Protein backbone atom coordinates (compact mmCIF):
# COMPACT_ATOMS: atom_id res chain seq x y z
CA MET A 1 -19.21 11.79 2.46
CA ILE A 2 -20.04 10.04 5.50
CA ASN A 3 -22.54 11.59 7.83
CA LEU A 4 -20.98 12.55 11.19
CA GLY A 5 -24.00 13.67 13.02
CA PHE A 6 -23.68 11.95 16.15
CA LEU A 7 -20.65 14.45 16.65
CA LYS A 8 -23.14 17.67 16.05
CA GLY A 9 -22.11 20.30 18.83
CA GLU A 10 -18.84 19.12 19.58
CA THR A 11 -15.42 19.85 19.64
CA VAL A 12 -13.00 18.11 17.50
CA ALA A 13 -9.64 18.56 16.96
CA VAL A 14 -7.61 17.25 13.75
CA LEU A 15 -4.07 17.17 13.91
CA GLY A 16 -2.51 16.60 10.06
CA LEU A 17 -4.16 18.75 6.70
CA GLY A 18 -3.38 15.65 4.47
CA LYS A 19 -6.20 13.80 2.34
CA SER A 20 -7.20 12.35 5.30
CA GLY A 21 -7.34 14.87 7.79
CA MET A 22 -8.55 17.65 4.82
CA SER A 23 -11.71 14.83 4.58
CA ALA A 24 -12.29 14.36 8.09
CA ALA A 25 -12.14 18.31 8.94
CA ARG A 26 -15.19 18.87 6.08
CA ALA A 27 -16.66 15.63 6.75
CA LEU A 28 -16.99 17.09 10.95
CA SER A 29 -17.16 20.74 10.09
CA ALA A 30 -20.67 19.62 7.35
CA ALA A 31 -21.94 17.67 10.52
CA GLY A 32 -22.21 20.95 12.73
CA ALA A 33 -18.88 20.00 14.96
CA THR A 34 -16.74 22.78 15.91
CA VAL A 35 -13.47 21.42 14.46
CA LEU A 36 -10.07 22.87 15.31
CA ALA A 37 -7.33 21.71 12.63
CA TRP A 38 -3.57 22.06 12.07
CA ASP A 39 -0.45 20.52 10.46
CA ASP A 40 2.98 21.20 11.24
CA SER A 41 3.35 22.64 7.42
CA GLN A 42 1.14 25.39 8.14
CA PRO A 43 -1.57 25.08 4.92
CA ASP A 44 -2.89 27.03 2.43
CA PRO A 45 -6.15 28.70 4.32
CA ALA A 46 -7.88 28.61 0.85
CA LEU A 47 -7.62 25.17 0.78
CA VAL A 48 -9.17 24.45 4.39
CA PRO A 49 -12.83 23.57 4.50
CA GLU A 50 -15.60 26.13 5.35
CA GLY A 51 -16.45 26.15 9.03
CA VAL A 52 -12.98 25.19 10.04
CA THR A 53 -10.57 26.93 12.04
CA VAL A 54 -7.01 26.26 12.20
CA THR A 55 -5.52 26.71 15.36
CA ASP A 56 -2.14 26.06 17.04
CA LEU A 57 -2.86 22.90 18.62
CA GLY A 58 0.37 22.78 20.52
CA GLN A 59 -1.16 25.92 22.37
CA ALA A 60 -4.81 25.01 22.64
CA ASP A 61 -6.66 23.58 25.58
CA LEU A 62 -7.42 19.89 24.65
CA SER A 63 -9.35 19.03 27.89
CA GLU A 64 -12.10 21.45 25.72
CA ALA A 65 -12.31 18.83 22.91
CA SER A 66 -14.11 15.47 22.83
CA MET A 67 -11.47 13.57 20.46
CA LEU A 68 -8.27 14.46 18.57
CA VAL A 69 -8.32 12.61 14.77
CA LEU A 70 -5.09 11.73 13.98
CA SER A 71 -3.58 11.57 10.73
CA PRO A 72 -1.58 8.52 9.97
CA GLY A 73 1.66 9.85 9.34
CA ILE A 74 2.52 11.64 12.73
CA PRO A 75 4.15 9.98 15.44
CA ARG A 76 2.18 8.63 18.15
CA CYS A 77 4.61 6.72 20.44
CA HIS A 78 8.15 6.08 18.53
CA PRO A 79 10.73 7.56 18.30
CA ALA A 80 8.80 9.94 20.27
CA PRO A 81 4.50 11.26 20.12
CA HIS A 82 4.09 14.20 18.69
CA LEU A 83 4.18 17.47 21.05
CA VAL A 84 0.24 17.68 20.69
CA VAL A 85 -0.10 13.94 21.08
CA ALA A 86 1.70 14.28 23.80
CA ARG A 87 -0.46 16.86 25.19
CA ALA A 88 -3.72 15.41 24.32
CA PHE A 89 -2.40 12.33 26.40
CA GLU A 90 -2.20 14.71 29.25
CA ALA A 91 -5.28 16.04 28.66
CA GLU A 92 -6.75 12.50 28.63
CA CYS A 93 -8.10 13.28 25.05
CA PRO A 94 -8.75 10.26 22.82
CA ILE A 95 -7.27 9.73 19.81
CA VAL A 96 -8.93 8.27 17.04
CA SER A 97 -8.92 7.88 13.32
CA ASP A 98 -10.66 8.56 10.62
CA ILE A 99 -11.65 4.91 10.33
CA ASP A 100 -12.75 5.15 13.81
CA LEU A 101 -15.20 7.76 13.07
CA LEU A 102 -16.37 5.89 9.74
CA GLY A 103 -16.88 2.88 12.18
CA ARG A 104 -19.31 4.67 14.72
CA ALA A 105 -20.87 6.17 11.85
CA GLN A 106 -21.74 3.42 9.58
CA THR A 107 -22.75 0.59 12.37
CA SER A 108 -24.87 -1.89 9.93
CA ALA A 109 -21.87 -2.01 7.22
CA ARG A 110 -19.34 -4.83 7.07
CA TYR A 111 -15.33 -3.79 7.31
CA LEU A 112 -12.42 -6.20 5.34
CA GLY A 113 -9.12 -4.61 6.08
CA ILE A 114 -6.00 -5.54 4.51
CA THR A 115 -3.10 -5.14 5.54
CA GLY A 116 1.19 -5.78 4.79
CA THR A 117 4.17 -4.48 4.03
CA ASN A 118 4.10 -4.78 0.14
CA GLY A 119 0.96 -5.15 -1.83
CA LYS A 120 -2.12 -4.24 0.30
CA SER A 121 -2.37 -1.37 -2.49
CA THR A 122 -2.79 -3.79 -5.26
CA THR A 123 -4.56 -6.30 -3.37
CA THR A 124 -6.90 -3.53 -1.82
CA ALA A 125 -7.96 -2.53 -5.61
CA LEU A 126 -8.13 -6.36 -6.80
CA ILE A 127 -10.52 -7.32 -4.15
CA GLY A 128 -12.48 -3.85 -4.75
CA HIS A 129 -12.49 -4.59 -8.91
CA VAL A 130 -13.74 -8.12 -7.89
CA MET A 131 -16.45 -6.92 -5.41
CA THR A 132 -17.33 -3.96 -7.48
CA LYS A 133 -18.07 -6.03 -10.59
CA THR A 134 -20.16 -9.04 -9.15
CA GLY A 135 -20.50 -8.53 -5.54
CA PRO A 136 -22.33 -6.52 -2.89
CA PRO A 137 -22.21 -2.63 -2.45
CA THR A 138 -18.72 -2.17 -2.14
CA GLN A 139 -16.51 1.38 -1.17
CA VAL A 140 -13.15 1.24 -1.60
CA GLY A 141 -10.37 3.39 -0.10
CA GLY A 142 -8.80 4.34 3.35
CA ASN A 143 -4.76 3.95 2.93
CA LEU A 144 -5.26 3.71 -0.75
CA GLY A 145 -6.68 6.37 -2.64
CA ILE A 146 -10.41 7.45 -1.19
CA PRO A 147 -10.27 8.78 2.81
CA ALA A 148 -12.56 7.07 4.53
CA LEU A 149 -14.84 10.01 5.35
CA SER A 150 -15.18 10.71 1.75
CA LEU A 151 -16.67 7.46 1.24
CA LYS A 152 -20.32 6.81 0.70
CA PRO A 153 -22.60 5.51 3.48
CA LEU A 154 -23.34 1.94 2.97
CA GLY A 155 -26.46 -0.46 4.68
CA SER A 156 -26.66 -4.04 5.89
CA ASP A 157 -25.45 -5.44 2.78
CA GLY A 158 -22.69 -3.22 2.15
CA TRP A 159 -18.94 -3.84 2.83
CA TYR A 160 -16.01 -1.34 3.45
CA VAL A 161 -12.81 -2.34 1.61
CA LEU A 162 -9.87 -0.76 3.50
CA GLU A 163 -6.20 -0.55 2.71
CA LEU A 164 -4.48 -0.23 6.49
CA SER A 165 -1.31 0.96 7.12
CA SER A 166 0.29 0.07 10.69
CA TYR A 167 0.20 3.35 11.43
CA GLN A 168 -3.70 3.40 10.44
CA LEU A 169 -3.87 0.13 13.02
CA GLU A 170 -1.85 1.94 15.67
CA THR A 171 -4.94 4.14 16.44
CA ILE A 172 -7.92 2.25 15.14
CA SER A 173 -10.11 1.12 18.16
CA ALA A 174 -13.92 1.23 16.80
CA VAL A 175 -13.81 -1.10 13.81
CA ALA A 176 -14.13 -5.00 14.35
CA TRP A 177 -12.74 -6.64 10.90
CA ASP A 178 -15.03 -8.74 9.45
CA ILE A 179 -12.30 -9.99 7.28
CA GLY A 180 -8.94 -8.99 8.22
CA VAL A 181 -5.97 -9.97 5.74
CA LEU A 182 -2.61 -9.45 6.44
CA ILE A 183 -0.29 -10.30 3.07
CA ASN A 184 3.04 -10.67 4.65
CA VAL A 185 5.93 -8.79 6.86
CA ALA A 186 8.81 -7.12 5.80
CA PRO A 187 11.63 -4.92 7.65
CA ASP A 188 10.25 -1.24 6.45
CA HIS A 189 9.37 2.24 8.89
CA LEU A 190 11.63 0.87 11.51
CA ASP A 191 12.06 4.82 11.96
CA ARG A 192 8.62 5.02 13.75
CA TYR A 193 9.42 1.65 15.48
CA ALA A 194 11.53 0.61 18.38
CA ASP A 195 12.06 -2.83 17.12
CA MET A 196 10.85 -5.20 14.52
CA ASP A 197 8.38 -6.47 17.11
CA GLY A 198 7.01 -3.23 17.20
CA TYR A 199 6.53 -3.13 13.73
CA VAL A 200 4.93 -6.76 13.41
CA GLU A 201 2.70 -5.87 16.52
CA ALA A 202 1.39 -3.18 14.83
CA LYS A 203 0.21 -5.29 11.54
CA ARG A 204 -1.30 -7.77 13.94
CA ALA A 205 -3.90 -5.29 15.54
CA ILE A 206 -5.64 -5.96 12.83
CA PHE A 207 -6.88 -9.22 14.27
CA ALA A 208 -7.47 -8.03 17.89
CA ARG A 209 -10.70 -7.12 17.71
CA GLN A 210 -12.62 -9.14 15.35
CA PRO A 211 -16.29 -10.51 16.36
CA LYS A 212 -16.92 -14.04 16.79
CA GLY A 213 -17.38 -15.98 13.34
CA ALA A 214 -14.60 -13.38 11.50
CA THR A 215 -12.00 -14.55 8.95
CA ALA A 216 -8.70 -13.93 8.94
CA ILE A 217 -6.55 -14.32 6.41
CA ILE A 218 -3.03 -14.61 6.50
CA GLY A 219 0.23 -14.90 4.65
CA VAL A 220 2.70 -17.90 5.27
CA ASP A 221 5.92 -16.78 2.89
CA ASP A 222 7.70 -14.92 5.73
CA GLU A 223 8.56 -15.46 9.57
CA TRP A 224 6.43 -13.27 11.11
CA SER A 225 3.25 -13.94 9.18
CA ARG A 226 3.75 -17.84 9.94
CA ALA A 227 4.04 -16.69 13.46
CA THR A 228 1.27 -14.75 13.45
CA LEU A 229 -0.89 -18.02 12.07
CA GLU A 230 0.53 -20.31 14.63
CA GLY A 231 -0.71 -18.10 17.47
CA MET A 232 -3.91 -18.61 16.18
CA THR A 233 -3.81 -22.30 16.27
CA GLY A 234 -7.00 -23.95 17.92
CA ASP A 235 -8.84 -20.49 17.64
CA ARG A 236 -12.52 -21.65 17.22
CA ASN A 237 -14.20 -18.28 17.14
CA ARG A 238 -12.57 -17.33 13.67
CA ARG A 239 -12.03 -18.70 10.30
CA VAL A 240 -8.29 -18.84 9.53
CA ILE A 241 -7.22 -18.86 5.94
CA PRO A 242 -3.59 -19.56 5.41
CA ILE A 243 -2.30 -18.03 1.24
CA SER A 244 1.33 -19.16 -0.20
CA ALA A 245 2.37 -17.98 -3.43
CA GLN A 246 5.37 -20.52 -2.77
CA GLY A 247 3.19 -24.00 -2.85
CA PRO A 248 0.49 -26.37 -0.87
CA VAL A 249 -1.10 -24.98 2.47
CA ALA A 250 -3.34 -27.00 3.77
CA GLY A 251 -7.09 -25.38 4.34
CA GLY A 252 -5.98 -23.11 2.13
CA VAL A 253 -5.08 -20.47 -1.27
CA PHE A 254 -2.03 -21.25 -2.98
CA VAL A 255 -0.22 -20.92 -6.11
CA ARG A 256 1.41 -24.14 -7.23
CA ASP A 257 3.04 -23.60 -10.71
CA GLY A 258 1.48 -20.62 -11.70
CA VAL A 259 -2.28 -21.47 -10.98
CA LEU A 260 -4.45 -20.55 -8.15
CA THR A 261 -5.64 -23.30 -6.42
CA ASP A 262 -8.49 -23.18 -3.48
CA ALA A 263 -8.24 -25.84 -0.86
CA THR A 264 -10.76 -24.46 1.85
CA ALA A 265 -13.15 -26.99 1.35
CA GLY A 266 -9.83 -30.01 1.75
CA ALA A 267 -9.77 -31.40 -2.29
CA GLU A 268 -8.09 -28.98 -4.46
CA ARG A 269 -9.15 -27.07 -6.68
CA ALA A 270 -7.55 -25.27 -9.82
CA VAL A 271 -9.29 -21.86 -10.16
CA LEU A 272 -7.08 -19.21 -12.06
CA ASP A 273 -3.95 -19.14 -14.45
CA LEU A 274 -2.12 -16.27 -12.65
CA ARG A 275 0.69 -16.76 -15.62
CA ALA A 276 -1.75 -15.06 -18.32
CA MET A 277 -2.49 -12.30 -15.92
CA PRO A 278 -0.44 -9.74 -17.35
CA THR A 279 -1.61 -7.08 -14.94
CA LEU A 280 -0.36 -9.69 -11.84
CA PRO A 281 3.31 -10.16 -12.78
CA GLY A 282 5.36 -12.34 -10.69
CA SER A 283 5.21 -14.45 -7.70
CA HIS A 284 4.37 -11.61 -5.35
CA ASN A 285 1.77 -10.47 -7.55
CA TRP A 286 0.34 -13.90 -6.99
CA GLN A 287 0.23 -13.80 -3.29
CA ASN A 288 -1.89 -10.73 -3.64
CA ALA A 289 -4.23 -12.81 -5.64
CA THR A 290 -4.17 -15.47 -3.11
CA ALA A 291 -5.32 -12.76 -0.47
CA ALA A 292 -7.71 -11.36 -2.26
CA TYR A 293 -9.09 -14.54 -4.20
CA ALA A 294 -9.67 -15.76 -0.40
CA ALA A 295 -11.27 -12.66 0.74
CA ALA A 296 -13.60 -12.31 -1.88
CA LEU A 297 -14.20 -16.30 -1.43
CA SER A 298 -14.73 -15.15 2.31
CA VAL A 299 -17.35 -12.50 1.10
CA GLY A 300 -19.65 -15.51 -0.52
CA LEU A 301 -18.36 -15.14 -4.07
CA ALA A 302 -18.36 -18.30 -6.12
CA PRO A 303 -14.44 -19.28 -7.15
CA ASP A 304 -15.98 -18.91 -10.68
CA THR A 305 -17.13 -15.64 -10.29
CA ILE A 306 -14.27 -14.85 -8.73
CA ALA A 307 -11.96 -15.95 -11.49
CA GLU A 308 -13.78 -14.19 -14.20
CA ALA A 309 -13.91 -11.00 -12.56
CA MET A 310 -9.96 -11.14 -11.71
CA ARG A 311 -9.43 -11.55 -15.55
CA SER A 312 -10.48 -8.04 -16.43
CA PHE A 313 -8.30 -6.33 -13.31
CA PRO A 314 -6.69 -3.46 -14.99
CA GLY A 315 -3.92 -3.26 -12.68
CA LEU A 316 -2.98 -0.36 -10.57
CA ARG A 317 -0.53 2.41 -11.23
CA HIS A 318 3.32 2.85 -9.96
CA ARG A 319 3.18 -1.04 -9.09
CA GLN A 320 4.56 -3.27 -11.93
CA GLU A 321 3.26 -0.93 -14.61
CA LEU A 322 4.15 -1.61 -17.92
CA VAL A 323 4.46 2.41 -19.20
CA GLY A 324 5.87 1.87 -22.57
CA SER A 325 8.67 0.27 -25.01
CA ILE A 326 11.37 1.61 -27.55
CA GLY A 327 11.81 -1.75 -30.10
CA ALA A 328 12.39 -4.49 -27.61
CA LEU A 329 13.20 -2.47 -24.60
CA ARG A 330 10.43 -2.70 -22.15
CA PHE A 331 9.78 0.16 -19.30
CA VAL A 332 8.11 -0.86 -16.16
CA ASN A 333 7.20 1.64 -13.08
CA ASP A 334 7.46 0.38 -10.32
CA SER A 335 7.59 3.98 -7.92
CA LYS A 336 5.84 2.46 -5.13
CA ALA A 337 8.64 -0.19 -4.28
CA THR A 338 9.79 2.20 -1.78
CA ASN A 339 11.76 -0.70 0.73
CA PRO A 340 14.38 -3.18 -0.34
CA ASP A 341 11.95 -6.09 -0.28
CA ALA A 342 9.64 -4.99 -2.58
CA ALA A 343 12.59 -4.03 -4.93
CA ALA A 344 13.61 -7.67 -4.85
CA ARG A 345 10.24 -8.77 -5.55
CA ALA A 346 10.27 -6.66 -8.89
CA LEU A 347 13.64 -7.68 -9.83
CA ALA A 348 12.72 -11.56 -9.77
CA CYS A 349 10.36 -10.92 -12.34
CA TYR A 350 12.76 -9.97 -15.10
CA ASP A 351 15.36 -12.00 -16.66
CA ARG A 352 17.84 -8.68 -17.78
CA VAL A 353 17.15 -5.12 -16.21
CA TYR A 354 18.63 -1.83 -15.95
CA TRP A 355 17.33 -1.10 -13.20
CA ILE A 356 16.80 3.02 -12.12
CA ALA A 357 17.31 2.66 -8.04
CA GLY A 358 17.51 5.40 -5.22
CA GLY A 359 16.22 7.93 -2.92
CA LEU A 360 15.72 8.33 0.79
CA ALA A 361 16.88 5.10 2.37
CA LYS A 362 14.80 3.25 4.69
CA GLN A 363 16.41 1.38 7.60
CA GLY A 364 16.99 -2.06 7.27
CA GLY A 365 19.31 -4.14 5.47
CA LEU A 366 19.96 -4.14 1.44
CA GLU A 367 20.79 -8.23 1.95
CA VAL A 368 17.45 -9.20 0.31
CA ILE A 369 18.50 -7.83 -3.12
CA THR A 370 21.43 -9.61 -3.10
CA PRO A 371 19.94 -12.80 -4.82
CA HIS A 372 18.57 -10.79 -7.47
CA LEU A 373 21.14 -9.04 -8.40
CA GLY A 374 22.18 -11.48 -11.33
CA ARG A 375 19.98 -9.98 -13.27
CA VAL A 376 20.86 -6.45 -12.89
CA ALA A 377 22.87 -5.84 -16.54
CA HIS A 378 23.70 -1.94 -14.83
CA ALA A 379 22.17 0.10 -11.95
CA PHE A 380 21.33 3.60 -12.48
CA LEU A 381 21.31 5.69 -9.01
CA ILE A 382 19.34 8.27 -7.78
CA GLY A 383 18.87 10.27 -4.71
CA ALA A 384 20.25 10.66 -1.52
CA ALA A 385 20.94 6.53 -0.95
CA SER A 386 23.12 6.66 -4.35
CA GLU A 387 26.60 6.20 -2.83
CA MET A 388 24.98 3.65 -0.11
CA LEU A 389 23.74 1.75 -3.06
CA ALA A 390 26.84 1.70 -5.22
CA ASP A 391 28.93 0.26 -2.43
CA PHE A 392 26.39 -1.92 -1.93
CA LEU A 393 26.28 -3.33 -5.38
CA GLY A 394 30.30 -3.10 -5.10
CA ASP A 395 31.90 -4.69 -7.87
CA ILE A 396 29.08 -6.82 -8.44
CA VAL A 397 26.80 -4.74 -10.85
CA PRO A 398 28.23 -1.90 -12.68
CA VAL A 399 26.92 1.51 -11.52
CA SER A 400 26.28 4.77 -12.91
CA GLN A 401 25.46 8.16 -10.34
CA CYS A 402 22.54 9.40 -12.64
CA GLY A 403 21.03 11.91 -9.42
CA GLU A 404 17.95 12.21 -11.12
CA ILE A 405 15.22 10.44 -13.26
CA GLY A 406 15.48 12.48 -16.21
CA SER A 407 19.61 11.25 -16.72
CA ALA A 408 18.85 7.71 -15.29
CA VAL A 409 16.36 6.87 -18.17
CA GLU A 410 18.54 8.25 -20.46
CA ALA A 411 21.87 6.11 -19.39
CA ALA A 412 19.56 3.12 -19.35
CA VAL A 413 18.47 3.08 -22.90
CA ALA A 414 22.02 4.29 -24.34
CA GLN A 415 23.59 1.17 -22.03
CA ALA A 416 20.97 -0.87 -23.22
CA GLU A 417 21.36 -0.08 -26.56
CA ALA A 418 25.28 0.07 -26.66
CA ASP A 419 25.27 -3.75 -24.69
CA GLY A 420 22.43 -4.91 -28.15
CA ALA A 421 20.49 -6.15 -24.91
CA GLY A 422 17.81 -7.29 -27.34
CA ASP A 423 14.33 -8.09 -24.56
CA ALA A 424 15.29 -6.38 -21.39
CA VAL A 425 13.68 -3.84 -19.05
CA VAL A 426 14.79 -0.65 -17.61
CA LEU A 427 12.61 -1.32 -14.39
CA LEU A 428 12.48 1.86 -11.77
CA SER A 429 11.72 -0.21 -8.21
CA PRO A 430 14.11 2.50 -6.43
CA ALA A 431 14.08 0.30 -2.66
CA CYS A 432 14.00 3.63 -1.04
CA ALA A 433 11.69 5.83 0.06
CA SER A 434 10.56 9.60 -2.39
CA TRP A 435 10.44 12.32 -0.38
CA ASP A 436 14.38 13.41 -1.15
CA GLN A 437 13.27 14.61 -4.37
CA PHE A 438 9.65 13.83 -4.72
CA ALA A 439 6.38 14.51 -3.00
CA ASN A 440 5.57 11.15 -2.67
CA PHE A 441 6.15 7.84 -4.66
CA GLU A 442 3.29 8.70 -7.09
CA ALA A 443 5.50 12.39 -8.62
CA ARG A 444 8.29 10.07 -8.39
CA GLY A 445 6.70 7.47 -11.22
CA ASP A 446 4.81 9.90 -12.77
CA ALA A 447 8.41 11.42 -13.40
CA PHE A 448 9.64 8.10 -14.99
CA VAL A 449 6.56 7.92 -17.20
CA ALA A 450 7.37 11.71 -18.28
CA ALA A 451 11.06 10.60 -19.18
CA VAL A 452 9.99 6.95 -20.98
CA ARG A 453 7.52 9.41 -23.24
CA ALA A 454 9.99 12.02 -23.65
CA MET A 455 12.49 9.37 -24.78
CA ALA A 456 10.33 7.19 -27.07
CA ARG A 457 9.31 10.50 -28.94
CA ARG A 458 12.90 11.63 -29.78
CA ALA A 459 13.26 7.94 -30.75
CA ASN A 460 10.23 7.91 -33.19
CA GLY A 461 12.13 11.45 -34.83
CA GLY A 462 9.55 13.57 -32.87
CA ALA A 463 6.51 11.85 -33.52
CA ARG A 464 3.45 11.14 -30.93
CA SER A 465 4.80 7.84 -29.50
CA GLY A 466 2.61 4.63 -29.50
CA THR A 467 4.37 3.68 -26.04
CA GLY A 468 0.95 3.24 -23.87
CA ALA A 469 2.69 4.86 -21.35
CA ALA A 470 0.00 5.46 -18.71
CA ALA A 471 -0.78 9.48 -17.56
């Protein structure tokens, strides 16, 4: 836990008691602050940390609070400020994030931030894996896994490697990113932004306060990220490294014919054959690999050291996770694909797909999926977006309305057997959020894995299966 002793005796409000909010409340209470905490879901008092007072912040006098710690899922501006946020603005109560508090407490450490619409969790985990195995003292968390204030304190030789959502970047003001990574941008979360420009600006905030001599690593495989890179042309205050999974970029890191290539020093150097990396399938994961390599290189690690560490990367759950097989039919859990762009990236990885999709639709079009529908033998639809997806697929792809994941897995296996599919994939890559049926994408992925295991047991006559499905 991070020591927030500089807030001893202060009154601090905390809005939102999910993982990051609970962590912040716990750290603040341990530091001797008076903590007023609230969550609209009215959490179980038994789960609230000792010393934290559950207080309806919609009624509290926020002028007495030195700050409001805002959880990232709570709207700050669009479509409208949360009631408590609006009251904080009126009371001139500063609004901060848990990452701000980390930055104020750990001033001597260095900070590496990763953002992007898709792939930021895999990239963060890959960077953390490489640095933990080979580099300086490293703590990994933020939007991925461990909340910022539950990380361990670090000295001046240490690095905090933090995944950052656009929601978090809206609020962070106390951290200057020594290395900032923008992997890609695609339409997403448009219910939280007035338009695409607002979403892009939130992502670009990772570069807003970088100190002189910092590094900006930017993908060039989409128009919004390319425009971000172009806006830094001629910037001599920081090093800018372009990355691409689609081909050469001058002075950058890129993939050519499946091989990660480093041109940051001018001459091209082949570093790692990504085609031999089963935990990083597909060009989107190759983009993640270029970002992770560029970040580790910027920390000061040697190319061969980075490549060797990357070879042992175990992968990340719910992101193109091979969870089992029945004969030649493989099952892939890509539950983290919560938008159409992410699902399109997954579909592009396989030649014959029995696709499980659906959930709670996000704003933005499905057209990005169209070029990959030739790979889909049959679609099995679940959740609230089933009808919308069926209309989109039309006569292009056969469709079955399954309702829930267990039925979808059973129907997919039956269809693949009827088709004599041979080498094929049952792919959960929903293109939608999970909240209509599940608490989060992890729970959705776990339900898929459980259904796969049940099918495998039946296929093996009730014996324990050897599918290798992750728990």
